[in-house]
Amino acid sequence: MDPDSRLRYVDIGDEPMIHLEPVRVVTVVLGVLDILNGSDERGYGNVPLMSLDMAVESLKPIIDILPSVCIAKQNCQHFHDNLTVDESAAIRLYTMQSLFKHLNEILRSKVRAELLRPWLPYLKLLLMALYKLPSVKKTVWRGTNLDLSTLYKQGDRCTWWGFSSCTESITVADCFLGESGSRTLF
């Protein structure tokens, strides 16, 4: 298995092991889009929906995003689930390590409210695209090569602030986790 693909799956260990106060824009990440469409005290509601090229402008000083944007757009020329090319490319762009690693680091930060501002145009485009996808209710699995049994108890509800890769297949989860050593499966 490609080591880079395992990084995405096991980055749960990067989640803060303390309770972080909610930031209203992160509620959007959890599935509520109205904060970006309405208004709020921080002004997040004033973020317009933009093309992907415009939405990543504020990220240029932070990460080398343009090569990844080009690749994402080249690979997203077909419309699915009523997505525009920009929306489809925004989803594809998130899957690239050049972006998801930085964004999840910020989402997991104690000071994420300040750090998220340049990400808001891209987040709005990404979340609007995800919102258009069909909703499904399924059990999914997420795991890590760490023993987190003292931090998480079976049946507890937990909030992870970063986007998390999951699988519908317990077999795939086991494949990522390996057969020995410390492991925690959610």
N, C-alpha and C. Protein backbone atom coordinates (compact mmCIF):
# COMPACT_ATOMS: atom_id res chain seq x y z
N MET A 1 0.85 -1.18 0.00
CA MET A 1 0.00 0.00 0.00
C MET A 1 0.89 1.24 0.00
N ASP A 2 0.50 2.23 -0.76
CA ASP A 2 1.23 3.49 -0.85
C ASP A 2 1.26 4.17 0.52
N PRO A 3 2.46 4.50 1.06
CA PRO A 3 2.54 5.13 2.38
C PRO A 3 1.77 6.44 2.47
N ASP A 4 1.71 7.22 1.38
CA ASP A 4 0.98 8.48 1.43
C ASP A 4 -0.51 8.27 1.64
N SER A 5 -1.07 7.21 1.07
CA SER A 5 -2.50 6.96 1.25
C SER A 5 -2.79 6.58 2.70
N ARG A 6 -1.86 5.93 3.36
CA ARG A 6 -2.05 5.59 4.78
C ARG A 6 -2.04 6.84 5.65
N LEU A 7 -1.27 7.86 5.26
CA LEU A 7 -1.21 9.09 6.04
C LEU A 7 -2.59 9.71 6.20
N ARG A 8 -3.38 9.71 5.14
CA ARG A 8 -4.70 10.31 5.20
C ARG A 8 -5.58 9.53 6.17
N TYR A 9 -5.43 8.24 6.17
CA TYR A 9 -6.33 7.42 6.96
C TYR A 9 -6.00 7.48 8.44
N VAL A 10 -4.75 7.59 8.77
CA VAL A 10 -4.35 7.49 10.18
C VAL A 10 -4.06 8.84 10.82
N ASP A 11 -4.44 9.94 10.19
CA ASP A 11 -4.13 11.24 10.77
C ASP A 11 -5.05 11.62 11.92
N ILE A 12 -5.90 10.70 12.35
CA ILE A 12 -6.76 10.98 13.49
C ILE A 12 -5.94 11.30 14.73
N GLY A 13 -4.73 10.78 14.81
CA GLY A 13 -3.86 11.10 15.93
C GLY A 13 -3.51 12.58 15.99
N ASP A 14 -3.74 13.30 14.89
CA ASP A 14 -3.48 14.73 14.86
C ASP A 14 -4.64 15.55 15.43
N GLU A 15 -5.78 14.90 15.65
CA GLU A 15 -6.90 15.63 16.24
C GLU A 15 -6.51 16.06 17.65
N PRO A 16 -6.93 17.25 18.06
CA PRO A 16 -6.59 17.69 19.41
C PRO A 16 -7.22 16.76 20.44
N MET A 17 -6.49 16.45 21.46
CA MET A 17 -6.99 15.55 22.49
C MET A 17 -7.67 16.32 23.62
N ILE A 18 -8.02 17.57 23.33
CA ILE A 18 -8.73 18.39 24.30
C ILE A 18 -9.98 18.94 23.62
N HIS A 19 -10.93 19.37 24.42
CA HIS A 19 -12.14 19.96 23.87
C HIS A 19 -11.82 21.34 23.31
N LEU A 20 -12.14 21.55 22.05
CA LEU A 20 -11.97 22.86 21.43
C LEU A 20 -13.31 23.56 21.39
N GLU A 21 -13.32 24.83 21.70
CA GLU A 21 -14.55 25.60 21.63
C GLU A 21 -15.03 25.66 20.18
N PRO A 22 -16.32 25.57 19.96
CA PRO A 22 -16.83 25.60 18.59
C PRO A 22 -16.58 26.95 17.93
N VAL A 23 -16.29 26.89 16.65
CA VAL A 23 -16.22 28.08 15.81
C VAL A 23 -17.34 27.92 14.82
N ARG A 24 -18.17 28.93 14.64
CA ARG A 24 -19.38 28.77 13.84
C ARG A 24 -19.08 28.31 12.42
N VAL A 25 -17.98 28.74 11.82
CA VAL A 25 -17.70 28.30 10.46
C VAL A 25 -17.39 26.81 10.41
N VAL A 26 -16.84 26.27 11.49
CA VAL A 26 -16.55 24.84 11.51
C VAL A 26 -17.85 24.04 11.56
N THR A 27 -18.91 24.63 12.10
CA THR A 27 -20.20 23.98 12.04
C THR A 27 -20.56 23.67 10.60
N VAL A 28 -20.15 24.54 9.69
CA VAL A 28 -20.39 24.31 8.27
C VAL A 28 -19.71 23.03 7.84
N VAL A 29 -18.48 22.83 8.30
CA VAL A 29 -17.75 21.63 7.95
C VAL A 29 -18.51 20.41 8.43
N LEU A 30 -19.25 20.54 9.48
CA LEU A 30 -20.03 19.43 9.99
C LEU A 30 -21.37 19.26 9.27
N GLY A 31 -21.64 20.10 8.26
CA GLY A 31 -22.82 19.88 7.45
C GLY A 31 -23.86 20.97 7.45
N VAL A 32 -23.67 22.07 8.14
CA VAL A 32 -24.65 23.14 8.16
C VAL A 32 -24.15 24.28 7.29
N LEU A 33 -24.80 24.48 6.15
CA LEU A 33 -24.32 25.46 5.19
C LEU A 33 -24.88 26.86 5.41
N ASP A 34 -25.88 27.01 6.26
CA ASP A 34 -26.53 28.31 6.35
C ASP A 34 -25.63 29.42 6.87
N ILE A 35 -24.59 29.11 7.62
CA ILE A 35 -23.71 30.16 8.14
C ILE A 35 -23.00 30.90 7.01
N LEU A 36 -22.65 30.18 5.95
CA LEU A 36 -21.99 30.84 4.83
C LEU A 36 -22.99 31.49 3.89
N ASN A 37 -24.24 31.16 4.01
CA ASN A 37 -25.26 31.76 3.16
C ASN A 37 -25.98 32.90 3.87
N GLY A 38 -25.88 32.94 5.17
CA GLY A 38 -26.54 33.97 5.95
C GLY A 38 -25.53 34.99 6.45
N SER A 39 -25.78 35.49 7.63
CA SER A 39 -24.84 36.45 8.20
C SER A 39 -24.57 36.05 9.64
N ASP A 40 -23.45 36.50 10.17
CA ASP A 40 -23.08 36.23 11.55
C ASP A 40 -22.12 37.31 12.01
N GLU A 41 -21.77 37.28 13.28
CA GLU A 41 -20.96 38.35 13.86
C GLU A 41 -19.55 38.43 13.29
N ARG A 42 -19.02 37.37 12.72
CA ARG A 42 -17.66 37.40 12.18
C ARG A 42 -17.62 37.79 10.71
N GLY A 43 -18.75 37.88 10.07
CA GLY A 43 -18.80 38.26 8.67
C GLY A 43 -18.61 37.11 7.70
N TYR A 44 -18.64 35.87 8.19
CA TYR A 44 -18.47 34.73 7.29
C TYR A 44 -19.58 34.67 6.25
N GLY A 45 -20.76 35.14 6.62
CA GLY A 45 -21.90 35.09 5.72
C GLY A 45 -21.74 35.96 4.49
N ASN A 46 -20.79 36.87 4.52
CA ASN A 46 -20.57 37.77 3.39
C ASN A 46 -19.64 37.18 2.34
N VAL A 47 -19.19 35.96 2.53
CA VAL A 47 -18.28 35.33 1.58
C VAL A 47 -19.09 34.93 0.34
N PRO A 48 -18.78 35.50 -0.82
CA PRO A 48 -19.53 35.13 -2.02
C PRO A 48 -19.07 33.78 -2.57
N LEU A 49 -19.96 33.13 -3.30
CA LEU A 49 -19.60 31.91 -4.00
C LEU A 49 -18.80 32.31 -5.23
N MET A 50 -17.61 31.73 -5.40
CA MET A 50 -16.69 32.13 -6.47
C MET A 50 -16.29 30.92 -7.31
N SER A 51 -15.65 31.22 -8.43
CA SER A 51 -15.01 30.16 -9.22
C SER A 51 -13.86 29.60 -8.39
N LEU A 52 -13.38 28.44 -8.73
CA LEU A 52 -12.26 27.84 -8.00
C LEU A 52 -11.02 28.72 -8.09
N ASP A 53 -10.74 29.26 -9.27
CA ASP A 53 -9.57 30.12 -9.43
C ASP A 53 -9.62 31.32 -8.48
N MET A 54 -10.78 31.93 -8.37
CA MET A 54 -10.94 33.08 -7.47
C MET A 54 -10.91 32.65 -6.01
N ALA A 55 -11.51 31.50 -5.72
CA ALA A 55 -11.62 31.04 -4.33
C ALA A 55 -10.27 30.70 -3.71
N VAL A 56 -9.28 30.37 -4.54
CA VAL A 56 -7.96 30.01 -4.00
C VAL A 56 -6.98 31.18 -4.01
N GLU A 57 -7.40 32.33 -4.51
CA GLU A 57 -6.49 33.49 -4.56
C GLU A 57 -5.89 33.79 -3.19
N SER A 58 -6.70 33.78 -2.15
CA SER A 58 -6.21 34.12 -0.81
C SER A 58 -5.33 33.02 -0.20
N LEU A 59 -5.25 31.87 -0.87
CA LEU A 59 -4.41 30.78 -0.37
C LEU A 59 -3.00 30.81 -0.97
N LYS A 60 -2.82 31.57 -2.04
CA LYS A 60 -1.52 31.61 -2.72
C LYS A 60 -0.36 31.96 -1.78
N PRO A 61 -0.51 32.93 -0.86
CA PRO A 61 0.61 33.22 0.05
C PRO A 61 0.87 32.11 1.08
N ILE A 62 -0.09 31.21 1.24
CA ILE A 62 0.00 30.18 2.28
C ILE A 62 0.58 28.88 1.73
N ILE A 63 0.09 28.45 0.57
CA ILE A 63 0.54 27.20 -0.03
C ILE A 63 0.67 27.38 -1.54
N ASP A 64 1.47 26.54 -2.15
CA ASP A 64 1.64 26.55 -3.61
C ASP A 64 0.46 25.78 -4.21
N ILE A 65 -0.62 26.49 -4.43
CA ILE A 65 -1.90 25.87 -4.77
C ILE A 65 -2.16 25.75 -6.27
N LEU A 66 -1.59 26.64 -7.07
CA LEU A 66 -1.97 26.70 -8.49
C LEU A 66 -1.71 25.43 -9.28
N PRO A 67 -0.57 24.74 -9.10
CA PRO A 67 -0.40 23.49 -9.85
C PRO A 67 -1.48 22.46 -9.51
N SER A 68 -1.86 22.39 -8.26
CA SER A 68 -2.91 21.44 -7.85
C SER A 68 -4.27 21.84 -8.41
N VAL A 69 -4.55 23.14 -8.48
CA VAL A 69 -5.81 23.61 -9.06
C VAL A 69 -5.89 23.19 -10.52
N CYS A 70 -4.79 23.37 -11.25
CA CYS A 70 -4.76 22.98 -12.68
C CYS A 70 -5.04 21.49 -12.85
N ILE A 71 -4.39 20.67 -12.03
CA ILE A 71 -4.59 19.22 -12.10
C ILE A 71 -6.04 18.87 -11.76
N ALA A 72 -6.56 19.47 -10.70
CA ALA A 72 -7.94 19.19 -10.29
C ALA A 72 -8.93 19.55 -11.39
N LYS A 73 -8.73 20.70 -12.01
CA LYS A 73 -9.65 21.13 -13.07
C LYS A 73 -9.54 20.24 -14.31
N GLN A 74 -8.33 19.80 -14.62
CA GLN A 74 -8.15 18.91 -15.78
C GLN A 74 -8.85 17.58 -15.56
N ASN A 75 -8.90 17.14 -14.32
CA ASN A 75 -9.50 15.84 -14.00
C ASN A 75 -10.99 15.92 -13.69
N CYS A 76 -11.59 17.09 -13.83
CA CYS A 76 -12.99 17.27 -13.46
C CYS A 76 -13.78 17.95 -14.56
N GLN A 77 -13.68 17.47 -15.75
CA GLN A 77 -14.39 18.09 -16.86
C GLN A 77 -15.81 17.55 -17.04
N HIS A 78 -16.16 16.51 -16.34
CA HIS A 78 -17.50 15.93 -16.46
C HIS A 78 -18.37 16.40 -15.31
N PHE A 79 -19.63 16.61 -15.59
CA PHE A 79 -20.57 17.05 -14.57
C PHE A 79 -21.24 15.83 -13.94
N HIS A 80 -21.21 15.74 -12.64
CA HIS A 80 -21.87 14.67 -11.90
C HIS A 80 -22.70 15.29 -10.79
N ASP A 81 -23.85 14.73 -10.53
CA ASP A 81 -24.71 15.19 -9.44
C ASP A 81 -24.96 16.69 -9.50
N ASN A 82 -25.10 17.21 -10.71
CA ASN A 82 -25.36 18.63 -10.93
C ASN A 82 -24.24 19.54 -10.43
N LEU A 83 -23.03 19.01 -10.33
CA LEU A 83 -21.89 19.83 -9.92
C LEU A 83 -21.34 20.58 -11.13
N THR A 84 -20.92 21.81 -10.90
CA THR A 84 -20.19 22.53 -11.93
C THR A 84 -18.76 21.99 -11.97
N VAL A 85 -18.02 22.34 -12.99
CA VAL A 85 -16.61 21.92 -13.07
C VAL A 85 -15.86 22.46 -11.86
N ASP A 86 -16.11 23.72 -11.48
CA ASP A 86 -15.42 24.30 -10.33
C ASP A 86 -15.75 23.56 -9.04
N GLU A 87 -17.00 23.18 -8.86
CA GLU A 87 -17.38 22.44 -7.65
C GLU A 87 -16.74 21.06 -7.63
N SER A 88 -16.78 20.39 -8.75
CA SER A 88 -16.16 19.07 -8.84
C SER A 88 -14.65 19.17 -8.61
N ALA A 89 -14.03 20.19 -9.18
CA ALA A 89 -12.59 20.39 -9.00
C ALA A 89 -12.26 20.77 -7.56
N ALA A 90 -13.14 21.49 -6.88
CA ALA A 90 -12.91 21.85 -5.48
C ALA A 90 -12.85 20.59 -4.61
N ILE A 91 -13.73 19.63 -4.90
CA ILE A 91 -13.71 18.36 -4.17
C ILE A 91 -12.42 17.61 -4.48
N ARG A 92 -12.09 17.53 -5.74
CA ARG A 92 -10.85 16.85 -6.16
C ARG A 92 -9.63 17.51 -5.53
N LEU A 93 -9.62 18.83 -5.51
CA LEU A 93 -8.49 19.58 -4.94
C LEU A 93 -8.29 19.23 -3.47
N TYR A 94 -9.39 19.09 -2.73
CA TYR A 94 -9.27 18.75 -1.32
C TYR A 94 -8.55 17.42 -1.13
N THR A 95 -8.73 16.47 -2.04
CA THR A 95 -8.14 15.15 -1.88
C THR A 95 -6.63 15.15 -2.10
N MET A 96 -6.09 16.23 -2.58
CA MET A 96 -4.65 16.31 -2.83
C MET A 96 -3.93 16.68 -1.55
N GLN A 97 -2.85 15.97 -1.27
CA GLN A 97 -2.12 16.17 -0.03
C GLN A 97 -1.65 17.61 0.15
N SER A 98 -1.39 18.30 -0.96
CA SER A 98 -0.93 19.68 -0.87
C SER A 98 -1.96 20.56 -0.18
N LEU A 99 -3.21 20.17 -0.19
CA LEU A 99 -4.25 21.00 0.41
C LEU A 99 -4.80 20.41 1.71
N PHE A 100 -5.21 19.15 1.70
CA PHE A 100 -5.92 18.63 2.88
C PHE A 100 -5.08 18.68 4.14
N LYS A 101 -3.78 18.49 4.00
CA LYS A 101 -2.91 18.51 5.17
C LYS A 101 -2.92 19.89 5.84
N HIS A 102 -2.82 20.94 5.02
CA HIS A 102 -2.82 22.32 5.56
C HIS A 102 -4.19 22.68 6.15
N LEU A 103 -5.25 22.37 5.42
CA LEU A 103 -6.58 22.73 5.88
C LEU A 103 -6.93 22.00 7.18
N ASN A 104 -6.66 20.71 7.26
CA ASN A 104 -6.97 19.98 8.48
C ASN A 104 -6.14 20.48 9.66
N GLU A 105 -4.90 20.86 9.42
CA GLU A 105 -4.07 21.42 10.48
C GLU A 105 -4.72 22.68 11.06
N ILE A 106 -5.26 23.52 10.20
CA ILE A 106 -5.92 24.74 10.65
C ILE A 106 -7.23 24.41 11.36
N LEU A 107 -8.02 23.51 10.80
CA LEU A 107 -9.29 23.15 11.43
C LEU A 107 -9.09 22.56 12.82
N ARG A 108 -7.94 21.95 13.07
CA ARG A 108 -7.65 21.34 14.36
C ARG A 108 -6.93 22.29 15.32
N SER A 109 -6.66 23.49 14.88
CA SER A 109 -5.91 24.46 15.69
C SER A 109 -6.82 25.15 16.71
N LYS A 110 -6.25 25.49 17.86
CA LYS A 110 -7.00 26.25 18.87
C LYS A 110 -7.35 27.64 18.36
N VAL A 111 -6.55 28.17 17.45
CA VAL A 111 -6.77 29.53 16.93
C VAL A 111 -7.33 29.49 15.50
N ARG A 112 -8.11 28.46 15.21
CA ARG A 112 -8.59 28.29 13.85
C ARG A 112 -9.50 29.41 13.37
N ALA A 113 -10.19 30.09 14.27
CA ALA A 113 -11.07 31.18 13.85
C ALA A 113 -10.30 32.23 13.05
N GLU A 114 -9.11 32.57 13.51
CA GLU A 114 -8.29 33.57 12.81
C GLU A 114 -7.67 32.98 11.55
N LEU A 115 -7.21 31.73 11.64
CA LEU A 115 -6.50 31.10 10.53
C LEU A 115 -7.41 30.72 9.36
N LEU A 116 -8.70 30.58 9.61
CA LEU A 116 -9.62 30.13 8.57
C LEU A 116 -10.00 31.20 7.56
N ARG A 117 -9.87 32.46 7.91
CA ARG A 117 -10.36 33.54 7.03
C ARG A 117 -9.92 33.38 5.58
N PRO A 118 -8.62 33.18 5.26
CA PRO A 118 -8.25 33.05 3.84
C PRO A 118 -8.83 31.80 3.17
N TRP A 119 -9.24 30.84 3.96
CA TRP A 119 -9.78 29.58 3.43
C TRP A 119 -11.28 29.66 3.14
N LEU A 120 -11.95 30.69 3.62
CA LEU A 120 -13.41 30.74 3.53
C LEU A 120 -13.95 30.69 2.10
N PRO A 121 -13.39 31.42 1.13
CA PRO A 121 -13.94 31.29 -0.24
C PRO A 121 -13.84 29.86 -0.77
N TYR A 122 -12.70 29.21 -0.54
CA TYR A 122 -12.55 27.82 -0.99
C TYR A 122 -13.50 26.91 -0.20
N LEU A 123 -13.57 27.09 1.12
CA LEU A 123 -14.46 26.25 1.93
C LEU A 123 -15.91 26.38 1.48
N LYS A 124 -16.33 27.60 1.15
CA LYS A 124 -17.71 27.78 0.70
C LYS A 124 -17.95 26.98 -0.58
N LEU A 125 -17.04 27.08 -1.54
CA LEU A 125 -17.19 26.34 -2.79
C LEU A 125 -17.19 24.83 -2.53
N LEU A 126 -16.26 24.36 -1.72
CA LEU A 126 -16.17 22.94 -1.40
C LEU A 126 -17.44 22.44 -0.71
N LEU A 127 -17.89 23.17 0.29
CA LEU A 127 -19.05 22.72 1.05
C LEU A 127 -20.34 22.81 0.24
N MET A 128 -20.46 23.81 -0.62
CA MET A 128 -21.63 23.87 -1.51
C MET A 128 -21.63 22.67 -2.45
N ALA A 129 -20.45 22.29 -2.92
CA ALA A 129 -20.34 21.11 -3.79
C ALA A 129 -20.72 19.84 -3.03
N LEU A 130 -20.19 19.68 -1.83
CA LEU A 130 -20.51 18.50 -1.04
C LEU A 130 -21.99 18.44 -0.71
N TYR A 131 -22.59 19.59 -0.48
CA TYR A 131 -24.01 19.66 -0.17
C TYR A 131 -24.87 19.15 -1.33
N LYS A 132 -24.39 19.33 -2.55
CA LYS A 132 -25.13 18.88 -3.74
C LYS A 132 -25.09 17.36 -3.92
N LEU A 133 -24.12 16.71 -3.31
CA LEU A 133 -24.00 15.26 -3.48
C LEU A 133 -25.15 14.56 -2.76
N PRO A 134 -25.55 13.40 -3.25
CA PRO A 134 -26.64 12.68 -2.60
C PRO A 134 -26.27 12.33 -1.15
N SER A 135 -27.23 12.48 -0.28
CA SER A 135 -27.03 12.16 1.13
C SER A 135 -27.28 10.67 1.33
N VAL A 136 -26.42 10.03 2.09
CA VAL A 136 -26.59 8.62 2.41
C VAL A 136 -26.38 8.42 3.90
N LYS A 137 -27.05 7.42 4.44
CA LYS A 137 -26.88 7.09 5.85
C LYS A 137 -26.29 5.69 5.92
N LYS A 138 -25.02 5.61 6.32
CA LYS A 138 -24.32 4.33 6.38
C LYS A 138 -23.36 4.34 7.56
N THR A 139 -22.95 3.17 7.94
CA THR A 139 -21.87 3.05 8.91
C THR A 139 -20.55 3.16 8.16
N VAL A 140 -19.68 4.01 8.66
CA VAL A 140 -18.35 4.14 8.08
C VAL A 140 -17.32 3.90 9.17
N TRP A 141 -16.12 3.55 8.75
CA TRP A 141 -15.05 3.20 9.67
C TRP A 141 -13.87 4.14 9.47
N ARG A 142 -13.22 4.44 10.57
CA ARG A 142 -12.04 5.30 10.59
C ARG A 142 -11.11 4.71 11.63
N GLY A 143 -9.83 4.66 11.33
CA GLY A 143 -8.91 4.05 12.28
C GLY A 143 -7.57 4.74 12.36
N THR A 144 -6.81 4.34 13.36
CA THR A 144 -5.48 4.87 13.55
C THR A 144 -4.58 3.80 14.16
N ASN A 145 -3.30 3.93 13.93
CA ASN A 145 -2.33 3.01 14.50
C ASN A 145 -1.88 3.49 15.88
N LEU A 146 -2.78 4.04 16.63
CA LEU A 146 -2.52 4.48 18.00
C LEU A 146 -3.54 3.83 18.92
N ASP A 147 -3.16 3.64 20.18
CA ASP A 147 -4.11 3.16 21.17
C ASP A 147 -4.75 4.38 21.81
N LEU A 148 -5.97 4.68 21.42
CA LEU A 148 -6.68 5.85 21.94
C LEU A 148 -7.78 5.45 22.93
N SER A 149 -7.69 4.24 23.46
CA SER A 149 -8.76 3.72 24.32
C SER A 149 -8.93 4.52 25.61
N THR A 150 -7.89 5.21 26.05
CA THR A 150 -8.04 6.02 27.26
C THR A 150 -8.69 7.36 26.97
N LEU A 151 -8.68 7.78 25.71
CA LEU A 151 -9.26 9.07 25.34
C LEU A 151 -10.69 8.96 24.82
N TYR A 152 -11.00 7.83 24.19
CA TYR A 152 -12.32 7.62 23.61
C TYR A 152 -12.89 6.32 24.16
N LYS A 153 -14.10 6.38 24.65
CA LYS A 153 -14.78 5.19 25.16
C LYS A 153 -15.83 4.73 24.15
N GLN A 154 -16.01 3.42 24.03
CA GLN A 154 -16.98 2.88 23.09
C GLN A 154 -18.36 3.47 23.37
N GLY A 155 -19.00 3.95 22.33
CA GLY A 155 -20.33 4.54 22.44
C GLY A 155 -20.32 6.04 22.64
N ASP A 156 -19.17 6.62 22.97
CA ASP A 156 -19.08 8.07 23.14
C ASP A 156 -19.21 8.76 21.79
N ARG A 157 -19.77 9.95 21.80
CA ARG A 157 -19.83 10.77 20.60
C ARG A 157 -18.63 11.71 20.64
N CYS A 158 -17.95 11.83 19.52
CA CYS A 158 -16.79 12.72 19.47
C CYS A 158 -16.89 13.60 18.23
N THR A 159 -16.24 14.75 18.31
CA THR A 159 -16.21 15.69 17.19
C THR A 159 -14.78 15.82 16.72
N TRP A 160 -14.56 15.55 15.47
CA TRP A 160 -13.25 15.76 14.86
C TRP A 160 -13.38 17.00 14.01
N TRP A 161 -12.48 17.93 14.18
CA TRP A 161 -12.58 19.22 13.51
C TRP A 161 -12.09 19.17 12.07
N GLY A 162 -11.19 18.26 11.76
CA GLY A 162 -10.71 18.15 10.39
C GLY A 162 -11.63 17.26 9.57
N PHE A 163 -11.51 17.36 8.26
CA PHE A 163 -12.19 16.42 7.37
C PHE A 163 -11.52 15.07 7.59
N SER A 164 -12.30 14.01 7.63
CA SER A 164 -11.75 12.69 7.91
C SER A 164 -12.10 11.70 6.82
N SER A 165 -11.09 10.99 6.34
CA SER A 165 -11.32 9.92 5.37
C SER A 165 -11.84 8.70 6.11
N CYS A 166 -12.86 8.09 5.55
CA CYS A 166 -13.48 6.90 6.15
C CYS A 166 -13.73 5.88 5.05
N THR A 167 -14.12 4.70 5.47
CA THR A 167 -14.48 3.66 4.51
C THR A 167 -15.74 2.95 4.98
N GLU A 168 -16.51 2.45 4.03
CA GLU A 168 -17.70 1.66 4.34
C GLU A 168 -17.33 0.23 4.69
N SER A 169 -16.11 -0.18 4.37
CA SER A 169 -15.70 -1.57 4.51
C SER A 169 -14.76 -1.77 5.70
N ILE A 170 -15.16 -2.62 6.61
CA ILE A 170 -14.30 -2.95 7.75
C ILE A 170 -13.03 -3.65 7.25
N THR A 171 -13.14 -4.37 6.15
CA THR A 171 -11.97 -5.05 5.57
C THR A 171 -10.94 -4.03 5.09
N VAL A 172 -11.41 -2.96 4.45
CA VAL A 172 -10.50 -1.90 4.01
C VAL A 172 -9.87 -1.22 5.21
N ALA A 173 -10.66 -0.97 6.25
CA ALA A 173 -10.13 -0.35 7.47
C ALA A 173 -9.03 -1.21 8.06
N ASP A 174 -9.27 -2.51 8.15
CA ASP A 174 -8.25 -3.43 8.68
C ASP A 174 -7.00 -3.42 7.82
N CYS A 175 -7.16 -3.33 6.51
CA CYS A 175 -6.02 -3.29 5.60
C CYS A 175 -5.15 -2.07 5.88
N PHE A 176 -5.77 -0.92 6.10
CA PHE A 176 -5.01 0.29 6.40
C PHE A 176 -4.31 0.21 7.75
N LEU A 177 -4.96 -0.43 8.71
CA LEU A 177 -4.42 -0.48 10.06
C LEU A 177 -3.36 -1.55 10.25
N GLY A 178 -3.34 -2.54 9.39
CA GLY A 178 -2.39 -3.63 9.57
C GLY A 178 -2.94 -4.64 10.56
N GLU A 179 -2.14 -5.68 10.81
CA GLU A 179 -2.62 -6.78 11.65
C GLU A 179 -1.98 -6.82 13.02
N SER A 180 -1.05 -5.92 13.30
CA SER A 180 -0.40 -5.96 14.60
C SER A 180 -0.13 -4.55 15.10
N GLY A 181 0.23 -4.46 16.36
CA GLY A 181 0.54 -3.18 16.97
C GLY A 181 -0.70 -2.48 17.50
N SER A 182 -0.50 -1.29 18.01
CA SER A 182 -1.60 -0.50 18.56
C SER A 182 -2.54 -0.07 17.44
N ARG A 183 -3.84 -0.17 17.71
CA ARG A 183 -4.83 0.23 16.73
C ARG A 183 -6.10 0.66 17.45
N THR A 184 -6.76 1.64 16.89
CA THR A 184 -8.08 2.04 17.37
C THR A 184 -8.97 2.21 16.15
N LEU A 185 -10.15 1.64 16.21
CA LEU A 185 -11.10 1.70 15.10
C LEU A 185 -12.35 2.42 15.58
N PHE A 186 -12.79 3.38 14.80
CA PHE A 186 -14.02 4.14 15.10
C PHE A 186 -15.08 3.76 14.09
